[in-house]
PDB file of N, CA and C in Angstrom:
ATOM      1  N   MET A   1      21.432   0.046 -15.243  1.00  0.00           N
ATOM      2  CA  MET A   1      20.427   0.711 -14.434  1.00  0.00           C
ATOM      3  C   MET A   1      19.870   1.900 -15.247  1.00  0.00           C
ATOM      4  N   THR A   2      18.547   2.093 -15.306  1.00  0.00           N
ATOM      5  CA  THR A   2      18.011   3.178 -16.014  1.00  0.00           C
ATOM      6  C   THR A   2      18.036   4.459 -15.243  1.00  0.00           C
ATOM      7  N   SER A   3      17.934   5.516 -15.980  1.00  0.00           N
ATOM      8  CA  SER A   3      17.940   6.877 -15.205  1.00  0.00           C
ATOM      9  C   SER A   3      16.674   6.953 -14.298  1.00  0.00           C
ATOM     10  N   ASP A   4      15.603   6.402 -14.740  1.00  0.00           N
ATOM     11  CA  ASP A   4      14.338   6.470 -13.851  1.00  0.00           C
ATOM     12  C   ASP A   4      14.583   5.732 -12.584  1.00  0.00           C
ATOM     13  N   HIS A   5      15.264   4.568 -12.625  1.00  0.00           N
ATOM     14  CA  HIS A   5      15.536   3.758 -11.437  1.00  0.00           C
ATOM     15  C   HIS A   5      16.503   4.577 -10.471  1.00  0.00           C
ATOM     16  N   ARG A   6      17.432   5.229 -11.031  1.00  0.00           N
ATOM     17  CA  ARG A   6      18.378   6.011 -10.189  1.00  0.00           C
ATOM     18  C   ARG A   6      17.596   7.136  -9.564  1.00  0.00           C
ATOM     19  N   ARG A   7      16.792   7.809 -10.229  1.00  0.00           N
ATOM     20  CA  ARG A   7      15.968   8.932  -9.678  1.00  0.00           C
ATOM     21  C   ARG A   7      15.157   8.453  -8.504  1.00  0.00           C
ATOM     22  N   ARG A   8      14.458   7.394  -8.677  1.00  0.00           N
ATOM     23  CA  ARG A   8      13.585   6.918  -7.647  1.00  0.00           C
ATOM     24  C   ARG A   8      14.380   6.476  -6.431  1.00  0.00           C
ATOM     25  N   SER A   9      15.432   5.731  -6.655  1.00  0.00           N
ATOM     26  CA  SER A   9      16.256   5.217  -5.488  1.00  0.00           C
ATOM     27  C   SER A   9      16.998   6.365  -4.799  1.00  0.00           C
ATOM     28  N   ASP A  10      17.326   7.433  -5.493  1.00  0.00           N
ATOM     29  CA  ASP A  10      18.114   8.496  -4.825  1.00  0.00           C
ATOM     30  C   ASP A  10      17.296   9.572  -4.193  1.00  0.00           C
ATOM     31  N   SER A  11      16.026   9.705  -4.625  1.00  0.00           N
ATOM     32  CA  SER A  11      15.263  10.807  -4.166  1.00  0.00           C
ATOM     33  C   SER A  11      15.122  11.063  -2.698  1.00  0.00           C
ATOM     34  N   ALA A  12      14.537  10.180  -1.924  1.00  0.00           N
ATOM     35  CA  ALA A  12      14.385  10.390  -0.521  1.00  0.00           C
ATOM     36  C   ALA A  12      15.628  10.254   0.299  1.00  0.00           C
ATOM     37  N   GLY A  13      16.418   9.201  -0.002  1.00  0.00           N
ATOM     38  CA  GLY A  13      17.678   8.969   0.749  1.00  0.00           C
ATOM     39  C   GLY A  13      18.674  10.056   0.516  1.00  0.00           C
ATOM     40  N   ALA A  14      18.820  10.575  -0.637  1.00  0.00           N
ATOM     41  CA  ALA A  14      19.809  11.616  -0.960  1.00  0.00           C
ATOM     42  C   ALA A  14      19.560  12.871  -0.326  1.00  0.00           C
ATOM     43  N   ARG A  15      18.265  13.128  -0.050  1.00  0.00           N
ATOM     44  CA  ARG A  15      17.926  14.410   0.574  1.00  0.00           C
ATOM     45  C   ARG A  15      17.858  14.317   2.129  1.00  0.00           C
ATOM     46  N   GLY A  16      18.152  13.101   2.641  1.00  0.00           N
ATOM     47  CA  GLY A  16      18.166  12.887   4.077  1.00  0.00           C
ATOM     48  C   GLY A  16      16.754  12.877   4.666  1.00  0.00           C
ATOM     49  N   VAL A  17      15.732  12.689   3.840  1.00  0.00           N
ATOM     50  CA  VAL A  17      14.364  12.671   4.337  1.00  0.00           C
ATOM     51  C   VAL A  17      13.884  11.237   4.437  1.00  0.00           C
ATOM     52  N   SER A  18      13.415  10.888   5.596  1.00  0.00           N
ATOM     53  CA  SER A  18      12.766   9.549   5.864  1.00  0.00           C
ATOM     54  C   SER A  18      11.377   9.546   5.273  1.00  0.00           C
ATOM     55  N   PRO A  19      10.964   8.516   4.572  1.00  0.00           N
ATOM     56  CA  PRO A  19       9.550   8.396   4.199  1.00  0.00           C
ATOM     57  C   PRO A  19       8.590   8.379   5.326  1.00  0.00           C
ATOM     58  N   GLU A  20       7.419   8.944   5.198  1.00  0.00           N
ATOM     59  CA  GLU A  20       6.442   8.920   6.252  1.00  0.00           C
ATOM     60  C   GLU A  20       5.808   7.514   6.336  1.00  0.00           C
ATOM     61  N   PRO A  21       5.438   7.124   7.462  1.00  0.00           N
ATOM     62  CA  PRO A  21       4.686   5.829   7.630  1.00  0.00           C
ATOM     63  C   PRO A  21       3.301   6.005   7.013  1.00  0.00           C
ATOM     64  N   PRO A  22       2.570   4.956   6.751  1.00  0.00           N
ATOM     65  CA  PRO A  22       1.248   5.013   6.206  1.00  0.00           C
ATOM     66  C   PRO A  22       0.297   5.833   7.095  1.00  0.00           C
ATOM     67  N   LEU A  23       0.449   5.820   8.375  1.00  0.00           N
ATOM     68  CA  LEU A  23      -0.398   6.684   9.212  1.00  0.00           C
ATOM     69  C   LEU A  23       0.500   7.360  10.240  1.00  0.00           C
ATOM     70  N   THR A  24       0.446   8.653  10.214  1.00  0.00           N
ATOM     71  CA  THR A  24       1.303   9.457  11.093  1.00  0.00           C
ATOM     72  C   THR A  24       0.782   9.438  12.505  1.00  0.00           C
ATOM     73  N   PRO A  25       1.512   9.903  13.542  1.00  0.00           N
ATOM     74  CA  PRO A  25       1.004   9.928  14.881  1.00  0.00           C
ATOM     75  C   PRO A  25      -0.271  10.735  15.042  1.00  0.00           C
ATOM     76  N   GLY A  26      -0.370  11.919  14.228  1.00  0.00           N
ATOM     77  CA  GLY A  26      -1.570  12.696  14.262  1.00  0.00           C
ATOM     78  C   GLY A  26      -2.742  11.965  13.650  1.00  0.00           C
ATOM     79  N   GLY A  27      -2.488  11.180  12.561  1.00  0.00           N
ATOM     80  CA  GLY A  27      -3.573  10.400  12.057  1.00  0.00           C
ATOM     81  C   GLY A  27      -4.097   9.296  12.956  1.00  0.00           C
ATOM     82  N   LYS A  28      -3.099   8.687  13.779  1.00  0.00           N
ATOM     83  CA  LYS A  28      -3.525   7.693  14.636  1.00  0.00           C
ATOM     84  C   LYS A  28      -4.480   8.297  15.749  1.00  0.00           C
ATOM     85  N   LEU A  29      -4.167   9.479  16.175  1.00  0.00           N
ATOM     86  CA  LEU A  29      -5.045  10.116  17.156  1.00  0.00           C
ATOM     87  C   LEU A  29      -6.411  10.432  16.589  1.00  0.00           C
ATOM     88  N   LEU A  30      -6.476  10.905  15.359  1.00  0.00           N
ATOM     89  CA  LEU A  30      -7.732  11.133  14.743  1.00  0.00           C
ATOM     90  C   LEU A  30      -8.613   9.873  14.573  1.00  0.00           C
ATOM     91  N   TYR A  31      -7.965   8.721  14.359  1.00  0.00           N
ATOM     92  CA  TYR A  31      -8.643   7.498  14.091  1.00  0.00           C
ATOM     93  C   TYR A  31      -8.635   6.533  15.255  1.00  0.00           C
ATOM     94  N   ALA A  32      -8.332   6.964  16.404  1.00  0.00           N
ATOM     95  CA  ALA A  32      -8.154   6.174  17.591  1.00  0.00           C
ATOM     96  C   ALA A  32      -9.395   5.219  17.871  1.00  0.00           C
ATOM     97  N   ALA A  33     -10.537   5.803  17.771  1.00  0.00           N
ATOM     98  CA  ALA A  33     -11.784   5.055  18.057  1.00  0.00           C
ATOM     99  C   ALA A  33     -11.970   3.958  16.972  1.00  0.00           C
ATOM    100  N   VAL A  34     -11.604   4.287  15.738  1.00  0.00           N
ATOM    101  CA  VAL A  34     -11.724   3.305  14.629  1.00  0.00           C
ATOM    102  C   VAL A  34     -10.716   2.198  14.735  1.00  0.00           C
ATOM    103  N   LEU A  35      -9.515   2.562  15.127  1.00  0.00           N
ATOM    104  CA  LEU A  35      -8.436   1.583  15.220  1.00  0.00           C
ATOM    105  C   LEU A  35      -8.391   0.697  16.507  1.00  0.00           C
ATOM    106  N   ALA A  36      -9.115   1.216  17.545  1.00  0.00           N
ATOM    107  CA  ALA A  36      -9.050   0.581  18.840  1.00  0.00           C
ATOM    108  C   ALA A  36      -9.699  -0.835  18.753  1.00  0.00           C
ATOM    109  N   ALA A  37      -9.119  -1.716  19.512  1.00  0.00           N
ATOM    110  CA  ALA A  37      -9.647  -3.076  19.446  1.00  0.00           C
ATOM    111  C   ALA A  37      -9.582  -3.663  20.897  1.00  0.00           C
ATOM    112  N   VAL A  38     -10.468  -4.690  21.111  1.00  0.00           N
ATOM    113  CA  VAL A  38     -10.502  -5.399  22.399  1.00  0.00           C
ATOM    114  C   VAL A  38     -10.420  -6.902  22.011  1.00  0.00           C
ATOM    115  N   GLU A  39     -10.089  -7.686  22.970  1.00  0.00           N
ATOM    116  CA  GLU A  39     -10.039  -9.083  22.896  1.00  0.00           C
ATOM    117  C   GLU A  39     -11.377  -9.696  23.447  1.00  0.00           C
ATOM    118  N   VAL A  40     -12.009 -10.502  22.632  1.00  0.00           N
ATOM    119  CA  VAL A  40     -13.088 -11.266  23.148  1.00  0.00           C
ATOM    120  C   VAL A  40     -12.817 -12.709  22.940  1.00  0.00           C
ATOM    121  N   THR A  41     -13.559 -13.596  23.550  1.00  0.00           N
ATOM    122  CA  THR A  41     -13.324 -15.034  23.458  1.00  0.00           C
ATOM    123  C   THR A  41     -14.572 -15.713  22.899  1.00  0.00           C
ATOM    124  N   VAL A  42     -14.400 -16.511  21.910  1.00  0.00           N
ATOM    125  CA  VAL A  42     -15.451 -17.426  21.417  1.00  0.00           C
ATOM    126  C   VAL A  42     -15.400 -18.656  22.294  1.00  0.00           C
ATOM    127  N   THR A  43     -16.489 -18.998  22.943  1.00  0.00           N
ATOM    128  CA  THR A  43     -16.513 -20.203  23.849  1.00  0.00           C
ATOM    129  C   THR A  43     -17.667 -21.106  23.434  1.00  0.00           C
ATOM    130  N   GLY A  44     -17.563 -22.285  23.911  1.00  0.00           N
ATOM    131  CA  GLY A  44     -18.736 -23.262  23.713  1.00  0.00           C
ATOM    132  C   GLY A  44     -18.115 -24.606  23.526  1.00  0.00           C
ATOM    133  N   SER A  45     -18.982 -25.580  23.175  1.00  0.00           N
ATOM    134  CA  SER A  45     -18.601 -26.938  22.878  1.00  0.00           C
ATOM    135  C   SER A  45     -19.121 -27.311  21.483  1.00  0.00           C
ATOM    136  N   LEU A  46     -18.260 -27.933  20.760  1.00  0.00           N
ATOM    137  CA  LEU A  46     -18.635 -28.299  19.389  1.00  0.00           C
ATOM    138  C   LEU A  46     -19.592 -29.466  19.435  1.00  0.00           C
ATOM    139  N   PRO A  47     -20.473 -29.603  18.488  1.00  0.00           N
ATOM    140  CA  PRO A  47     -21.378 -30.735  18.413  1.00  0.00           C
ATOM    141  C   PRO A  47     -20.642 -32.059  18.409  1.00  0.00           C
ATOM    142  N   THR A  48     -21.249 -33.044  19.010  1.00  0.00           N
ATOM    143  CA  THR A  48     -20.678 -34.318  18.958  1.00  0.00           C
ATOM    144  C   THR A  48     -21.060 -35.139  17.797  1.00  0.00           C
ATOM    145  N   GLY A  49     -20.112 -35.772  17.082  1.00  0.00           N
ATOM    146  CA  GLY A  49     -20.354 -36.562  15.858  1.00  0.00           C
ATOM    147  C   GLY A  49     -19.160 -36.574  15.021  1.00  0.00           C
ATOM    148  N   ASN A  50     -19.262 -37.237  13.842  1.00  0.00           N
ATOM    149  CA  ASN A  50     -18.186 -37.311  12.928  1.00  0.00           C
ATOM    150  C   ASN A  50     -17.974 -35.983  12.195  1.00  0.00           C
ATOM    151  N   THR A  51     -16.734 -35.597  12.100  1.00  0.00           N
ATOM    152  CA  THR A  51     -16.389 -34.411  11.313  1.00  0.00           C
ATOM    153  C   THR A  51     -16.573 -34.621   9.881  1.00  0.00           C
ATOM    154  N   THR A  52     -17.442 -33.776   9.253  1.00  0.00           N
ATOM    155  CA  THR A  52     -17.668 -33.991   7.737  1.00  0.00           C
ATOM    156  C   THR A  52     -17.253 -32.731   7.001  1.00  0.00           C
ATOM    157  N   GLY A  53     -16.854 -31.678   7.699  1.00  0.00           N
ATOM    158  CA  GLY A  53     -16.355 -30.498   7.037  1.00  0.00           C
ATOM    159  C   GLY A  53     -16.115 -29.381   8.063  1.00  0.00           C
ATOM    160  N   ASN A  54     -15.742 -28.283   7.503  1.00  0.00           N
ATOM    161  CA  ASN A  54     -15.553 -27.020   8.323  1.00  0.00           C
ATOM    162  C   ASN A  54     -16.654 -26.046   8.175  1.00  0.00           C
ATOM    163  N   VAL A  55     -16.963 -25.251   9.178  1.00  0.00           N
ATOM    164  CA  VAL A  55     -17.958 -24.214   9.176  1.00  0.00           C
ATOM    165  C   VAL A  55     -17.286 -22.950   9.504  1.00  0.00           C
ATOM    166  N   THR A  56     -17.609 -21.821   8.701  1.00  0.00           N
ATOM    167  CA  THR A  56     -17.166 -20.510   9.072  1.00  0.00           C
ATOM    168  C   THR A  56     -18.223 -19.769   9.835  1.00  0.00           C
ATOM    169  N   TYR A  57     -17.850 -19.475  11.072  1.00  0.00           N
ATOM    170  CA  TYR A  57     -18.708 -18.721  11.963  1.00  0.00           C
ATOM    171  C   TYR A  57     -18.268 -17.280  11.969  1.00  0.00           C
ATOM    172  N   PHE A  58     -19.198 -16.339  11.847  1.00  0.00           N
ATOM    173  CA  PHE A  58     -18.980 -14.901  11.789  1.00  0.00           C
ATOM    174  C   PHE A  58     -19.329 -14.252  13.116  1.00  0.00           C
ATOM    175  N   ILE A  59     -18.411 -13.360  13.487  1.00  0.00           N
ATOM    176  CA  ILE A  59     -18.728 -12.520  14.695  1.00  0.00           C
ATOM    177  C   ILE A  59     -19.288 -11.279  14.180  1.00  0.00           C
ATOM    178  N   ALA A  60     -20.510 -10.999  14.624  1.00  0.00           N
ATOM    179  CA  ALA A  60     -21.241  -9.802  14.128  1.00  0.00           C
ATOM    180  C   ALA A  60     -21.371  -8.838  15.259  1.00  0.00           C
ATOM    181  N   ASP A  61     -21.170  -7.552  14.969  1.00  0.00           N
ATOM    182  CA  ASP A  61     -21.456  -6.483  15.807  1.00  0.00           C
ATOM    183  C   ASP A  61     -22.831  -6.090  15.545  1.00  0.00           C
ATOM    184  N   ARG A  62     -23.787  -6.515  16.346  1.00  0.00           N
ATOM    185  CA  ARG A  62     -25.202  -6.307  16.175  1.00  0.00           C
ATOM    186  C   ARG A  62     -25.545  -4.803  16.251  1.00  0.00           C
ATOM    187  N   SER A  63     -24.800  -4.034  17.006  1.00  0.00           N
ATOM    188  CA  SER A  63     -25.112  -2.564  17.192  1.00  0.00           C
ATOM    189  C   SER A  63     -24.807  -1.810  15.830  1.00  0.00           C
ATOM    190  N   LYS A  64     -23.960  -2.447  15.079  1.00  0.00           N
ATOM    191  CA  LYS A  64     -23.498  -1.677  13.808  1.00  0.00           C
ATOM    192  C   LYS A  64     -23.873  -2.503  12.541  1.00  0.00           C
ATOM    193  N   ASN A  65     -24.517  -3.641  12.721  1.00  0.00           N
ATOM    194  CA  ASN A  65     -24.770  -4.545  11.582  1.00  0.00           C
ATOM    195  C   ASN A  65     -23.583  -4.805  10.767  1.00  0.00           C
ATOM    196  N   ALA A  66     -22.472  -5.197  11.359  1.00  0.00           N
ATOM    197  CA  ALA A  66     -21.218  -5.430  10.723  1.00  0.00           C
ATOM    198  C   ALA A  66     -20.571  -6.699  11.136  1.00  0.00           C
ATOM    199  N   ILE A  67     -19.890  -7.333  10.182  1.00  0.00           N
ATOM    200  CA  ILE A  67     -19.088  -8.520  10.466  1.00  0.00           C
ATOM    201  C   ILE A  67     -17.706  -7.981  10.961  1.00  0.00           C
ATOM    202  N   VAL A  68     -17.285  -8.362  12.175  1.00  0.00           N
ATOM    203  CA  VAL A  68     -15.978  -7.906  12.671  1.00  0.00           C
ATOM    204  C   VAL A  68     -14.975  -9.051  12.888  1.00  0.00           C
ATOM    205  N   GLY A  69     -15.344 -10.234  12.603  1.00  0.00           N
ATOM    206  CA  GLY A  69     -14.400 -11.286  12.732  1.00  0.00           C
ATOM    207  C   GLY A  69     -14.974 -12.619  12.219  1.00  0.00           C
ATOM    208  N   GLN A  70     -14.150 -13.621  12.243  1.00  0.00           N
ATOM    209  CA  GLN A  70     -14.607 -14.914  11.820  1.00  0.00           C
ATOM    210  C   GLN A  70     -13.752 -15.963  12.432  1.00  0.00           C
ATOM    211  N   VAL A  71     -14.223 -17.186  12.590  1.00  0.00           N
ATOM    212  CA  VAL A  71     -13.373 -18.286  12.967  1.00  0.00           C
ATOM    213  C   VAL A  71     -13.986 -19.528  12.223  1.00  0.00           C
ATOM    214  N   VAL A  72     -13.088 -20.436  11.801  1.00  0.00           N
ATOM    215  CA  VAL A  72     -13.455 -21.677  11.124  1.00  0.00           C
ATOM    216  C   VAL A  72     -13.254 -22.798  12.071  1.00  0.00           C
ATOM    217  N   LEU A  73     -14.342 -23.626  12.189  1.00  0.00           N
ATOM    218  CA  LEU A  73     -14.240 -24.765  13.167  1.00  0.00           C
ATOM    219  C   LEU A  73     -14.878 -25.957  12.406  1.00  0.00           C
ATOM    220  N   PRO A  74     -14.498 -27.224  12.916  1.00  0.00           N
ATOM    221  CA  PRO A  74     -15.156 -28.357  12.360  1.00  0.00           C
ATOM    222  C   PRO A  74     -16.632 -28.427  12.654  1.00  0.00           C
ATOM    223  N   ASP A  75     -17.453 -29.039  11.822  1.00  0.00           N
ATOM    224  CA  ASP A  75     -18.880 -29.046  12.056  1.00  0.00           C
ATOM    225  C   ASP A  75     -19.259 -29.919  13.296  1.00  0.00           C
ATOM    226  N   ALA A  76     -18.415 -30.866  13.659  1.00  0.00           N
ATOM    227  CA  ALA A  76     -18.605 -31.763  14.797  1.00  0.00           C
ATOM    228  C   ALA A  76     -17.296 -32.446  15.104  1.00  0.00           C
ATOM    229  N   THR A  77     -17.194 -32.932  16.312  1.00  0.00           N
ATOM    230  CA  THR A  77     -16.003 -33.762  16.721  1.00  0.00           C
ATOM    231  C   THR A  77     -16.502 -34.951  17.550  1.00  0.00           C
ATOM    232  N   PRO A  78     -15.788 -36.069  17.523  1.00  0.00           N
ATOM    233  CA  PRO A  78     -16.220 -37.265  18.181  1.00  0.00           C
ATOM    234  C   PRO A  78     -16.508 -37.040  19.695  1.00  0.00           C
ATOM    235  N   GLN A  79     -15.663 -36.180  20.348  1.00  0.00           N
ATOM    236  CA  GLN A  79     -15.799 -35.908  21.790  1.00  0.00           C
ATOM    237  C   GLN A  79     -16.616 -34.672  22.081  1.00  0.00           C
ATOM    238  N   GLY A  80     -17.038 -33.882  21.149  1.00  0.00           N
ATOM    239  CA  GLY A  80     -17.720 -32.616  21.560  1.00  0.00           C
ATOM    240  C   GLY A  80     -16.805 -31.639  22.174  1.00  0.00           C
ATOM    241  N   ASN A  81     -15.686 -31.450  21.616  1.00  0.00           N
ATOM    242  CA  ASN A  81     -14.616 -30.584  22.245  1.00  0.00           C
ATOM    243  C   ASN A  81     -15.059 -29.196  22.540  1.00  0.00           C
ATOM    244  N   PRO A  82     -14.646 -28.760  23.724  1.00  0.00           N
ATOM    245  CA  PRO A  82     -14.793 -27.330  24.113  1.00  0.00           C
ATOM    246  C   PRO A  82     -13.851 -26.404  23.370  1.00  0.00           C
ATOM    247  N   VAL A  83     -14.263 -25.217  23.125  1.00  0.00           N
ATOM    248  CA  VAL A  83     -13.426 -24.229  22.421  1.00  0.00           C
ATOM    249  C   VAL A  83     -13.348 -22.965  23.256  1.00  0.00           C
ATOM    250  N   ALA A  84     -12.235 -22.369  23.189  1.00  0.00           N
ATOM    251  CA  ALA A  84     -12.066 -20.969  23.831  1.00  0.00           C
ATOM    252  C   ALA A  84     -11.033 -20.225  22.963  1.00  0.00           C
ATOM    253  N   ILE A  85     -11.454 -19.420  22.002  1.00  0.00           N
ATOM    254  CA  ILE A  85     -10.606 -18.848  20.992  1.00  0.00           C
ATOM    255  C   ILE A  85     -10.674 -17.304  21.181  1.00  0.00           C
ATOM    256  N   PRO A  86      -9.497 -16.649  21.523  1.00  0.00           N
ATOM    257  CA  PRO A  86      -9.462 -15.278  21.633  1.00  0.00           C
ATOM    258  C   PRO A  86      -9.387 -14.628  20.226  1.00  0.00           C
ATOM    259  N   ILE A  87     -10.197 -13.582  20.047  1.00  0.00           N
ATOM    260  CA  ILE A  87     -10.183 -12.798  18.874  1.00  0.00           C
ATOM    261  C   ILE A  87     -10.288 -11.312  19.079  1.00  0.00           C
ATOM    262  N   ARG A  88      -9.557 -10.556  18.297  1.00  0.00           N
ATOM    263  CA  ARG A  88      -9.572  -9.077  18.476  1.00  0.00           C
ATOM    264  C   ARG A  88     -10.655  -8.521  17.553  1.00  0.00           C
ATOM    265  N   VAL A  89     -11.421  -7.636  18.164  1.00  0.00           N
ATOM    266  CA  VAL A  89     -12.560  -6.989  17.431  1.00  0.00           C
ATOM    267  C   VAL A  89     -12.514  -5.512  17.766  1.00  0.00           C
ATOM    268  N   PRO A  90     -13.174  -4.658  16.939  1.00  0.00           N
ATOM    269  CA  PRO A  90     -13.286  -3.296  17.255  1.00  0.00           C
ATOM    270  C   PRO A  90     -14.018  -3.034  18.582  1.00  0.00           C
ATOM    271  N   THR A  91     -13.618  -1.984  19.316  1.00  0.00           N
ATOM    272  CA  THR A  91     -14.262  -1.740  20.595  1.00  0.00           C
ATOM    273  C   THR A  91     -15.643  -1.171  20.418  1.00  0.00           C
ATOM    274  N   GLY A  92     -16.366  -1.277  21.525  1.00  0.00           N
ATOM    275  CA  GLY A  92     -17.713  -0.678  21.569  1.00  0.00           C
ATOM    276  C   GLY A  92     -18.823  -1.349  20.833  1.00  0.00           C
ATOM    277  N   GLY A  93     -18.737  -2.684  20.648  1.00  0.00           N
ATOM    278  CA  GLY A  93     -19.763  -3.336  19.938  1.00  0.00           C
ATOM    279  C   GLY A  93     -20.601  -4.288  20.815  1.00  0.00           C
ATOM    280  N   SER A  94     -21.615  -4.866  20.240  1.00  0.00           N
ATOM    281  CA  SER A  94     -22.497  -5.822  20.962  1.00  0.00           C
ATOM    282  C   SER A  94     -22.305  -7.180  20.034  1.00  0.00           C
ATOM    283  N   TYR A  95     -21.569  -8.118  20.463  1.00  0.00           N
ATOM    284  CA  TYR A  95     -21.114  -9.127  19.566  1.00  0.00           C
ATOM    285  C   TYR A  95     -21.902 -10.433  19.713  1.00  0.00           C
ATOM    286  N   GLU A  96     -21.984 -11.136  18.609  1.00  0.00           N
ATOM    287  CA  GLU A  96     -22.717 -12.416  18.602  1.00  0.00           C
ATOM    288  C   GLU A  96     -22.033 -13.257  17.489  1.00  0.00           C
ATOM    289  N   ILE A  97     -22.102 -14.527  17.666  1.00  0.00           N
ATOM    290  CA  ILE A  97     -21.404 -15.405  16.671  1.00  0.00           C
ATOM    291  C   ILE A  97     -22.512 -16.321  16.021  1.00  0.00           C
ATOM    292  N   GLY A  98     -22.338 -16.595  14.741  1.00  0.00           N
ATOM    293  CA  GLY A  98     -23.295 -17.472  14.075  1.00  0.00           C
ATOM    294  C   GLY A  98     -22.973 -17.611  12.576  1.00  0.00           C
ATOM    295  N   THR A  99     -23.844 -18.114  11.907  1.00  0.00           N
ATOM    296  CA  THR A  99     -23.691 -18.352  10.384  1.00  0.00           C
ATOM    297  C   THR A  99     -24.789 -17.674   9.668  1.00  0.00           C
ATOM    298  N   PHE A 100     -24.723 -17.742   8.376  1.00  0.00           N
ATOM    299  CA  PHE A 100     -25.798 -17.173   7.465  1.00  0.00           C
ATOM    300  C   PHE A 100     -26.545 -18.309   6.836  1.00  0.00           C
ATOM    301  N   ASP A 101     -27.890 -18.194   6.837  1.00  0.00           N
ATOM    302  CA  ASP A 101     -28.674 -19.273   6.171  1.00  0.00           C
ATOM    303  C   ASP A 101     -28.657 -18.967   4.637  1.00  0.00           C
ATOM    304  N   VAL A 102     -29.334 -19.868   3.943  1.00  0.00           N
ATOM    305  CA  VAL A 102     -29.336 -19.790   2.396  1.00  0.00           C
ATOM    306  C   VAL A 102     -29.969 -18.418   1.923  1.00  0.00           C
ATOM    307  N   ASN A 103     -30.806 -17.853   2.831  1.00  0.00           N
ATOM    308  CA  ASN A 103     -31.426 -16.515   2.403  1.00  0.00           C
ATOM    309  C   ASN A 103     -30.609 -15.330   2.875  1.00  0.00           C
ATOM    310  N   GLY A 104     -29.417 -15.640   3.417  1.00  0.00           N
ATOM    311  CA  GLY A 104     -28.557 -14.534   3.899  1.00  0.00           C
ATOM    312  C   GLY A 104     -28.923 -13.933   5.241  1.00  0.00           C
ATOM    313  N   ALA A 105     -29.817 -14.543   5.949  1.00  0.00           N
ATOM    314  CA  ALA A 105     -30.184 -14.124   7.322  1.00  0.00           C
ATOM    315  C   ALA A 105     -29.108 -14.661   8.272  1.00  0.00           C
ATOM    316  N   PHE A 106     -28.727 -13.780   9.227  1.00  0.00           N
ATOM    317  CA  PHE A 106     -27.746 -14.172  10.240  1.00  0.00           C
ATOM    318  C   PHE A 106     -28.507 -15.171  11.252  1.00  0.00           C
ATOM    319  N   GLN A 107     -27.890 -16.293  11.571  1.00  0.00           N
ATOM    320  CA  GLN A 107     -28.423 -17.258  12.489  1.00  0.00           C
ATOM    321  C   GLN A 107     -27.476 -17.446  13.667  1.00  0.00           C
ATOM    322  N   PRO A 108     -27.831 -16.857  14.847  1.00  0.00           N
ATOM    323  CA  PRO A 108     -26.904 -16.981  16.025  1.00  0.00           C
ATOM    324  C   PRO A 108     -26.687 -18.470  16.335  1.00  0.00           C
ATOM    325  N   SER A 109     -25.495 -18.787  16.732  1.00  0.00           N
ATOM    326  CA  SER A 109     -25.126 -20.145  17.126  1.00  0.00           C
ATOM    327  C   SER A 109     -25.831 -20.446  18.382  1.00  0.00           C
ATOM    328  N   SER A 110     -26.315 -21.772  18.521  1.00  0.00           N
ATOM    329  CA  SER A 110     -26.866 -22.219  19.785  1.00  0.00           C
ATOM    330  C   SER A 110     -25.839 -22.833  20.692  1.00  0.00           C
ATOM    331  N   PHE A 111     -24.618 -23.065  20.186  1.00  0.00           N
ATOM    332  CA  PHE A 111     -23.619 -23.726  21.097  1.00  0.00           C
ATOM    333  C   PHE A 111     -22.406 -22.900  21.300  1.00  0.00           C
ATOM    334  N   LEU A 112     -22.215 -21.823  20.560  1.00  0.00           N
ATOM    335  CA  LEU A 112     -21.060 -20.892  20.680  1.00  0.00           C
ATOM    336  C   LEU A 112     -21.543 -19.503  21.169  1.00  0.00           C
ATOM    337  N   ARG A 113     -20.721 -18.873  21.856  1.00  0.00           N
ATOM    338  CA  ARG A 113     -20.992 -17.429  22.317  1.00  0.00           C
ATOM    339  C   ARG A 113     -19.733 -16.660  22.418  1.00  0.00           C
ATOM    340  N   VAL A 114     -19.912 -15.391  22.380  1.00  0.00           N
ATOM    341  CA  VAL A 114     -18.745 -14.473  22.505  1.00  0.00           C
ATOM    342  C   VAL A 114     -18.844 -13.767  23.889  1.00  0.00           C
ATOM    343  N   ILE A 115     -17.663 -14.019  24.674  1.00  0.00           N
ATOM    344  CA  ILE A 115     -17.666 -13.392  25.973  1.00  0.00           C
ATOM    345  C   ILE A 115     -16.509 -12.314  25.946  1.00  0.00           C
ATOM    346  N   GLY A 116     -16.720 -11.350  26.804  1.00  0.00           N
ATOM    347  CA  GLY A 116     -15.783 -10.250  26.879  1.00  0.00           C
ATOM    348  C   GLY A 116     -16.538  -8.969  26.673  1.00  0.00           C
ATOM    349  N   PRO A 117     -15.859  -7.815  26.425  1.00  0.00           N
ATOM    350  CA  PRO A 117     -16.581  -6.584  26.288  1.00  0.00           C
ATOM    351  C   PRO A 117     -17.649  -6.615  25.158  1.00  0.00           C
ATOM    352  N   GLY A 118     -18.848  -6.438  25.617  1.00  0.00           N
ATOM    353  CA  GLY A 118     -19.958  -6.373  24.633  1.00  0.00           C
ATOM    354  C   GLY A 118     -20.500  -7.692  24.137  1.00  0.00           C
ATOM    355  N   GLY A 119     -19.922  -8.769  24.694  1.00  0.00           N
ATOM    356  CA  GLY A 119     -20.353 -10.124  24.223  1.00  0.00           C
ATOM    357  C   GLY A 119     -21.575 -10.576  24.976  1.00  0.00           C
ATOM    358  N   ALA A 120     -22.226 -11.633  24.441  1.00  0.00           N
ATOM    359  CA  ALA A 120     -23.416 -12.121  25.051  1.00  0.00           C
ATOM    360  C   ALA A 120     -23.213 -12.788  26.345  1.00  0.00           C
TER     361      ALA A 120
END
C-alpha cells in the first residue's frame, strides 16, 4: 500500500469526522422548489396496428419550454392497448406529451395526454 493510499483512507475516519452528503439539510431547503416533484400520469390508447418500432415521447413543461421526462412506447399494438404510466416531474409546470418533427418542432400527441398537477 502506498503512503498516498494510507493518507486518503485514514484522513476522515481517523479524525472521527463523517464526510458530508452531497447536499446538506440547509442546501435542501435552499433548493426545495427545484428538487420538488409531483407524480403525473401519461394516459391514452396506443394506435392499432402492427408494432414496427418504439417511439420516444417527451413530456414538456410548456411554461418553462423544458423537457422534464420521457417515455418509450411501441408505435402501435394489435389491440390498441390503453396506457397509464406514472412519471415524476418537477412541480409547478404545464405539461404536455409529444414528439419532435424533423425540423425540431414539438408535436403534441393526439392520443396521449398528461393528467395530474398541471397536465392537460
